[in-house]
């Protein structure tokens, strides 16, 4: 599947901006959400090719949003990559159990992110 449209879900304007700039520089179209709830709604509405999901957000966490997206038949085909500052193995394992395809630790390295996107 060719990835063109990416939804970035992150409550940090700085982190969202960094990810958006990396993606746009590499030719992707980006939309963004600033909460887990908004991310779930935008996934249903826009059907992006990929979602980059933060974990620590007010309200619905990225783990909860990832689970909601991966369990909904309408959005279950959209791959989610968690991008978080939480770098424990238990966090990574839990994120993958929620339905994420991969887990990157912030700050996200551009080369690593691009290689993950090409591997999908």
N, C-alpha and C. Protein backbone atom coordinates (compact mmCIF):
# COMPACT_ATOMS: atom_id res chain seq x y z
N UNK A 1 0.85 -1.18 0.00
CA UNK A 1 0.00 0.00 0.00
C UNK A 1 0.89 1.25 0.00
N UNK A 2 0.62 2.13 -0.93
CA UNK A 2 1.39 3.38 -0.97
C UNK A 2 0.81 4.35 0.06
N UNK A 3 1.67 4.86 0.91
CA UNK A 3 1.23 5.80 1.94
C UNK A 3 1.42 7.22 1.42
N UNK A 4 0.31 7.97 1.39
CA UNK A 4 0.37 9.36 0.94
C UNK A 4 -0.16 10.31 2.01
N UNK A 5 -1.25 9.91 2.66
CA UNK A 5 -1.92 10.77 3.64
C UNK A 5 -1.69 10.24 5.05
N UNK A 6 -1.16 11.11 5.91
CA UNK A 6 -0.80 10.70 7.27
C UNK A 6 -1.53 11.59 8.28
N UNK A 7 -2.11 10.96 9.29
CA UNK A 7 -2.73 11.68 10.40
C UNK A 7 -1.75 11.66 11.57
N UNK A 8 -1.36 12.84 12.04
CA UNK A 8 -0.48 12.97 13.20
C UNK A 8 -1.36 13.32 14.40
N UNK A 9 -1.33 12.48 15.45
CA UNK A 9 -2.12 12.73 16.66
C UNK A 9 -1.14 13.00 17.81
N UNK A 10 -1.08 14.27 18.24
CA UNK A 10 -0.14 14.65 19.29
C UNK A 10 -0.63 15.94 19.94
N UNK A 11 -0.66 15.96 21.27
CA UNK A 11 -1.12 17.17 21.97
C UNK A 11 -0.02 18.22 22.10
N UNK A 12 1.21 17.88 21.77
CA UNK A 12 2.32 18.84 21.83
C UNK A 12 2.46 19.52 20.47
N UNK A 13 2.20 20.83 20.39
CA UNK A 13 2.35 21.53 19.11
C UNK A 13 3.76 21.38 18.53
N UNK A 14 4.76 21.37 19.38
CA UNK A 14 6.15 21.25 18.92
C UNK A 14 6.39 19.88 18.29
N UNK A 15 6.00 18.80 18.99
CA UNK A 15 6.21 17.45 18.44
C UNK A 15 5.40 17.25 17.16
N UNK A 16 4.17 17.74 17.15
CA UNK A 16 3.32 17.61 15.95
C UNK A 16 3.96 18.35 14.78
N UNK A 17 4.51 19.53 15.04
CA UNK A 17 5.16 20.33 14.00
C UNK A 17 6.38 19.60 13.43
N UNK A 18 7.20 19.04 14.31
CA UNK A 18 8.41 18.32 13.86
C UNK A 18 8.02 17.16 12.95
N UNK A 19 7.05 16.34 13.38
CA UNK A 19 6.61 15.19 12.57
C UNK A 19 6.01 15.67 11.25
N UNK A 20 5.19 16.71 11.30
CA UNK A 20 4.54 17.25 10.10
C UNK A 20 5.59 17.73 9.10
N UNK A 21 6.60 18.44 9.58
CA UNK A 21 7.65 18.96 8.68
C UNK A 21 8.43 17.81 8.04
N UNK A 22 8.77 16.79 8.81
CA UNK A 22 9.48 15.62 8.25
C UNK A 22 8.64 14.99 7.15
N UNK A 23 7.36 14.78 7.43
CA UNK A 23 6.47 14.12 6.46
C UNK A 23 6.28 14.96 5.21
N UNK A 24 6.01 16.26 5.38
CA UNK A 24 5.79 17.13 4.22
C UNK A 24 7.04 17.21 3.35
N UNK A 25 8.21 17.29 3.99
CA UNK A 25 9.48 17.35 3.26
C UNK A 25 9.67 16.11 2.39
N UNK A 26 9.10 14.99 2.84
CA UNK A 26 9.23 13.73 2.12
C UNK A 26 8.02 13.43 1.23
N UNK A 27 7.17 14.44 0.99
CA UNK A 27 6.11 14.30 0.01
C UNK A 27 4.76 13.78 0.51
N UNK A 28 4.58 13.72 1.81
CA UNK A 28 3.31 13.23 2.35
C UNK A 28 2.35 14.39 2.60
N UNK A 29 1.06 14.09 2.52
CA UNK A 29 0.03 15.05 2.92
C UNK A 29 -0.28 14.76 4.38
N UNK A 30 -0.37 15.82 5.20
CA UNK A 30 -0.53 15.62 6.65
C UNK A 30 -1.76 16.34 7.17
N UNK A 31 -2.52 15.65 7.99
CA UNK A 31 -3.57 16.28 8.79
C UNK A 31 -3.22 15.97 10.24
N UNK A 32 -3.72 16.78 11.16
CA UNK A 32 -3.34 16.54 12.54
C UNK A 32 -4.51 16.68 13.50
N UNK A 33 -4.36 16.00 14.62
CA UNK A 33 -5.34 16.04 15.70
C UNK A 33 -4.55 16.25 16.99
N UNK A 34 -5.17 16.94 17.95
CA UNK A 34 -4.44 17.26 19.18
C UNK A 34 -4.91 16.45 20.39
N UNK A 35 -5.77 15.44 20.16
CA UNK A 35 -6.20 14.58 21.26
C UNK A 35 -6.54 13.19 20.72
N UNK A 36 -6.57 12.22 21.61
CA UNK A 36 -6.93 10.86 21.21
C UNK A 36 -8.33 10.80 20.62
N UNK A 37 -9.27 11.49 21.29
CA UNK A 37 -10.66 11.49 20.81
C UNK A 37 -10.75 12.07 19.40
N UNK A 38 -10.07 13.20 19.20
CA UNK A 38 -10.09 13.85 17.89
C UNK A 38 -9.42 12.95 16.84
N UNK A 39 -8.36 12.26 17.25
CA UNK A 39 -7.67 11.34 16.34
C UNK A 39 -8.58 10.21 15.87
N UNK A 40 -9.35 9.64 16.79
CA UNK A 40 -10.28 8.55 16.43
C UNK A 40 -11.32 9.07 15.44
N UNK A 41 -11.88 10.25 15.72
CA UNK A 41 -12.89 10.84 14.82
C UNK A 41 -12.30 11.14 13.44
N UNK A 42 -11.09 11.72 13.42
CA UNK A 42 -10.48 12.06 12.13
C UNK A 42 -10.09 10.81 11.35
N UNK A 43 -9.74 9.74 12.04
CA UNK A 43 -9.44 8.48 11.35
C UNK A 43 -10.69 7.99 10.62
N UNK A 44 -11.84 8.07 11.29
CA UNK A 44 -13.10 7.65 10.66
C UNK A 44 -13.47 8.55 9.49
N UNK A 45 -13.30 9.85 9.69
CA UNK A 45 -13.73 10.84 8.69
C UNK A 45 -12.81 10.87 7.47
N UNK A 46 -11.49 10.87 7.69
CA UNK A 46 -10.53 11.09 6.59
C UNK A 46 -9.92 9.81 6.03
N UNK A 47 -9.99 8.70 6.78
CA UNK A 47 -9.40 7.43 6.35
C UNK A 47 -7.96 7.61 5.84
N UNK A 48 -7.05 8.11 6.71
CA UNK A 48 -5.66 8.30 6.26
C UNK A 48 -4.99 6.96 5.97
N UNK A 49 -3.86 7.01 5.28
CA UNK A 49 -3.12 5.79 4.95
C UNK A 49 -2.30 5.30 6.14
N UNK A 50 -2.04 6.21 7.10
CA UNK A 50 -1.21 5.90 8.26
C UNK A 50 -1.53 6.89 9.37
N UNK A 51 -1.40 6.44 10.63
CA UNK A 51 -1.56 7.33 11.77
C UNK A 51 -0.30 7.26 12.63
N UNK A 52 0.26 8.43 12.96
CA UNK A 52 1.35 8.52 13.93
C UNK A 52 0.72 9.00 15.22
N UNK A 53 0.81 8.20 16.28
CA UNK A 53 0.06 8.42 17.52
C UNK A 53 0.97 8.65 18.72
N UNK A 54 0.77 9.78 19.40
CA UNK A 54 1.42 10.03 20.69
C UNK A 54 0.72 9.16 21.74
N UNK A 55 1.33 8.96 22.89
CA UNK A 55 0.70 8.17 23.96
C UNK A 55 0.13 9.07 25.04
N UNK A 56 0.96 9.95 25.60
CA UNK A 56 0.54 10.74 26.76
C UNK A 56 -0.21 12.00 26.29
N UNK A 57 -1.53 11.94 26.41
CA UNK A 57 -2.39 13.07 26.03
C UNK A 57 -3.50 13.17 27.06
N UNK A 58 -4.03 14.38 27.27
CA UNK A 58 -5.17 14.50 28.19
C UNK A 58 -6.39 13.78 27.63
N UNK A 59 -7.24 13.28 28.52
CA UNK A 59 -8.41 12.53 28.05
C UNK A 59 -8.00 11.15 27.60
N UNK A 60 -8.38 10.79 26.40
CA UNK A 60 -8.07 9.47 25.85
C UNK A 60 -6.58 9.38 25.51
N UNK A 61 -5.91 8.37 26.06
CA UNK A 61 -4.48 8.20 25.77
C UNK A 61 -4.29 7.65 24.35
N UNK A 62 -3.07 7.71 23.88
CA UNK A 62 -2.76 7.14 22.58
C UNK A 62 -2.97 5.64 22.54
N UNK A 63 -2.74 4.96 23.66
CA UNK A 63 -3.01 3.52 23.73
C UNK A 63 -4.50 3.26 23.52
N UNK A 64 -5.35 4.05 24.21
CA UNK A 64 -6.80 3.88 24.08
C UNK A 64 -7.27 4.21 22.67
N UNK A 65 -6.74 5.29 22.10
CA UNK A 65 -7.12 5.68 20.75
C UNK A 65 -6.69 4.63 19.73
N UNK A 66 -5.48 4.09 19.90
CA UNK A 66 -4.99 3.04 19.00
C UNK A 66 -5.90 1.82 19.08
N UNK A 67 -6.28 1.44 20.29
CA UNK A 67 -7.18 0.30 20.46
C UNK A 67 -8.53 0.57 19.78
N UNK A 68 -9.07 1.77 19.97
CA UNK A 68 -10.37 2.12 19.36
C UNK A 68 -10.28 2.06 17.83
N UNK A 69 -9.20 2.56 17.28
CA UNK A 69 -9.02 2.57 15.81
C UNK A 69 -8.84 1.15 15.29
N UNK A 70 -8.03 0.34 15.97
CA UNK A 70 -7.75 -1.01 15.48
C UNK A 70 -8.92 -1.97 15.67
N UNK A 71 -9.82 -1.68 16.61
CA UNK A 71 -10.98 -2.55 16.86
C UNK A 71 -12.20 -2.19 16.01
N UNK A 72 -12.22 -0.96 15.46
CA UNK A 72 -13.37 -0.51 14.66
C UNK A 72 -13.21 -1.00 13.22
N UNK A 73 -14.19 -1.77 12.71
CA UNK A 73 -14.08 -2.29 11.34
C UNK A 73 -13.87 -1.18 10.30
N UNK A 74 -14.38 0.02 10.59
CA UNK A 74 -14.26 1.15 9.68
C UNK A 74 -12.82 1.64 9.55
N UNK A 75 -12.02 1.48 10.62
CA UNK A 75 -10.65 2.03 10.63
C UNK A 75 -9.57 0.99 10.91
N UNK A 76 -9.96 -0.28 11.06
CA UNK A 76 -8.99 -1.31 11.47
C UNK A 76 -7.88 -1.55 10.45
N UNK A 77 -8.09 -1.17 9.21
CA UNK A 77 -7.07 -1.37 8.18
C UNK A 77 -6.01 -0.29 8.15
N UNK A 78 -6.20 0.76 8.96
CA UNK A 78 -5.24 1.87 8.96
C UNK A 78 -4.10 1.55 9.92
N UNK A 79 -2.86 1.45 9.42
CA UNK A 79 -1.75 1.17 10.34
C UNK A 79 -1.47 2.35 11.27
N UNK A 80 -1.17 2.03 12.52
CA UNK A 80 -0.83 3.04 13.52
C UNK A 80 0.61 2.80 13.97
N UNK A 81 1.41 3.86 13.96
CA UNK A 81 2.75 3.80 14.55
C UNK A 81 2.73 4.74 15.74
N UNK A 82 3.04 4.20 16.91
CA UNK A 82 3.08 5.03 18.10
C UNK A 82 4.43 5.75 18.15
N UNK A 83 4.38 7.06 18.40
CA UNK A 83 5.58 7.90 18.55
C UNK A 83 5.48 8.52 19.94
N UNK A 84 6.30 8.03 20.86
CA UNK A 84 6.17 8.47 22.25
C UNK A 84 7.51 8.66 22.91
N UNK A 85 7.53 9.48 23.96
CA UNK A 85 8.74 9.62 24.76
C UNK A 85 8.84 8.47 25.77
N UNK A 86 7.76 7.69 25.92
CA UNK A 86 7.79 6.53 26.82
C UNK A 86 8.63 5.45 26.15
N UNK A 87 9.78 5.14 26.73
CA UNK A 87 10.71 4.25 26.03
C UNK A 87 10.96 2.91 26.73
N UNK A 88 10.07 2.53 27.64
CA UNK A 88 10.23 1.24 28.31
C UNK A 88 9.73 0.11 27.41
N UNK A 89 10.35 -1.06 27.53
CA UNK A 89 9.91 -2.22 26.74
C UNK A 89 8.45 -2.55 27.01
N UNK A 90 8.00 -2.36 28.27
CA UNK A 90 6.60 -2.65 28.59
C UNK A 90 5.66 -1.71 27.83
N UNK A 91 6.07 -0.45 27.66
CA UNK A 91 5.26 0.50 26.88
C UNK A 91 5.16 0.04 25.43
N UNK A 92 6.30 -0.36 24.87
CA UNK A 92 6.31 -0.82 23.48
C UNK A 92 5.43 -2.05 23.32
N UNK A 93 5.58 -3.01 24.22
CA UNK A 93 4.78 -4.24 24.15
C UNK A 93 3.29 -3.91 24.27
N UNK A 94 2.94 -3.04 25.19
CA UNK A 94 1.54 -2.66 25.38
C UNK A 94 0.98 -1.96 24.14
N UNK A 95 1.78 -1.06 23.56
CA UNK A 95 1.34 -0.36 22.35
C UNK A 95 1.06 -1.32 21.21
N UNK A 96 1.92 -2.31 21.04
CA UNK A 96 1.72 -3.30 19.98
C UNK A 96 0.50 -4.16 20.28
N UNK A 97 0.26 -4.45 21.55
CA UNK A 97 -0.93 -5.23 21.92
C UNK A 97 -2.22 -4.47 21.66
N UNK A 98 -2.15 -3.13 21.64
CA UNK A 98 -3.34 -2.31 21.38
C UNK A 98 -3.66 -2.24 19.88
N UNK A 99 -2.74 -2.75 19.07
CA UNK A 99 -2.98 -2.77 17.63
C UNK A 99 -2.00 -1.95 16.81
N UNK A 100 -1.03 -1.31 17.45
CA UNK A 100 -0.04 -0.53 16.70
C UNK A 100 0.85 -1.47 15.88
N UNK A 101 1.26 -1.01 14.71
CA UNK A 101 2.16 -1.80 13.86
C UNK A 101 3.61 -1.65 14.28
N UNK A 102 3.92 -0.48 14.89
CA UNK A 102 5.30 -0.22 15.29
C UNK A 102 5.30 0.83 16.40
N UNK A 103 6.48 1.04 16.97
CA UNK A 103 6.61 1.95 18.11
C UNK A 103 7.94 2.68 17.97
N UNK A 104 7.89 4.00 17.86
CA UNK A 104 9.10 4.81 17.78
C UNK A 104 9.21 5.70 19.01
N UNK A 105 10.44 5.89 19.47
CA UNK A 105 10.67 6.74 20.65
C UNK A 105 11.08 8.13 20.17
N UNK A 106 10.46 9.16 20.79
CA UNK A 106 10.81 10.56 20.49
C UNK A 106 12.15 10.92 21.13
N UNK A 107 12.91 11.81 20.56
CA UNK A 107 12.63 12.46 19.28
C UNK A 107 12.79 11.48 18.12
N UNK A 108 11.84 11.53 17.20
CA UNK A 108 11.82 10.57 16.08
C UNK A 108 12.90 10.94 15.08
N UNK A 109 13.69 9.95 14.69
CA UNK A 109 14.74 10.13 13.70
C UNK A 109 14.11 10.02 12.30
N UNK A 110 14.36 11.01 11.46
CA UNK A 110 13.75 11.05 10.13
C UNK A 110 14.04 9.80 9.31
N UNK A 111 15.30 9.35 9.29
CA UNK A 111 15.65 8.17 8.49
C UNK A 111 14.93 6.93 8.99
N UNK A 112 14.83 6.77 10.29
CA UNK A 112 14.14 5.60 10.86
C UNK A 112 12.65 5.66 10.51
N UNK A 113 12.04 6.85 10.68
CA UNK A 113 10.62 7.00 10.35
C UNK A 113 10.37 6.67 8.89
N UNK A 114 11.18 7.20 7.98
CA UNK A 114 10.98 6.94 6.55
C UNK A 114 11.15 5.45 6.22
N UNK A 115 12.11 4.79 6.87
CA UNK A 115 12.29 3.36 6.60
C UNK A 115 11.08 2.56 7.10
N UNK A 116 10.51 2.98 8.24
CA UNK A 116 9.31 2.29 8.76
C UNK A 116 8.14 2.48 7.80
N UNK A 117 7.98 3.70 7.25
CA UNK A 117 6.89 3.95 6.34
C UNK A 117 7.04 3.15 5.05
N UNK A 118 8.27 3.03 4.55
CA UNK A 118 8.50 2.26 3.34
C UNK A 118 8.26 0.78 3.57
N UNK A 119 8.46 0.32 4.80
CA UNK A 119 8.29 -1.11 5.11
C UNK A 119 6.82 -1.52 5.21
N UNK A 120 5.92 -0.56 5.38
CA UNK A 120 4.49 -0.89 5.54
C UNK A 120 3.88 -1.35 4.23
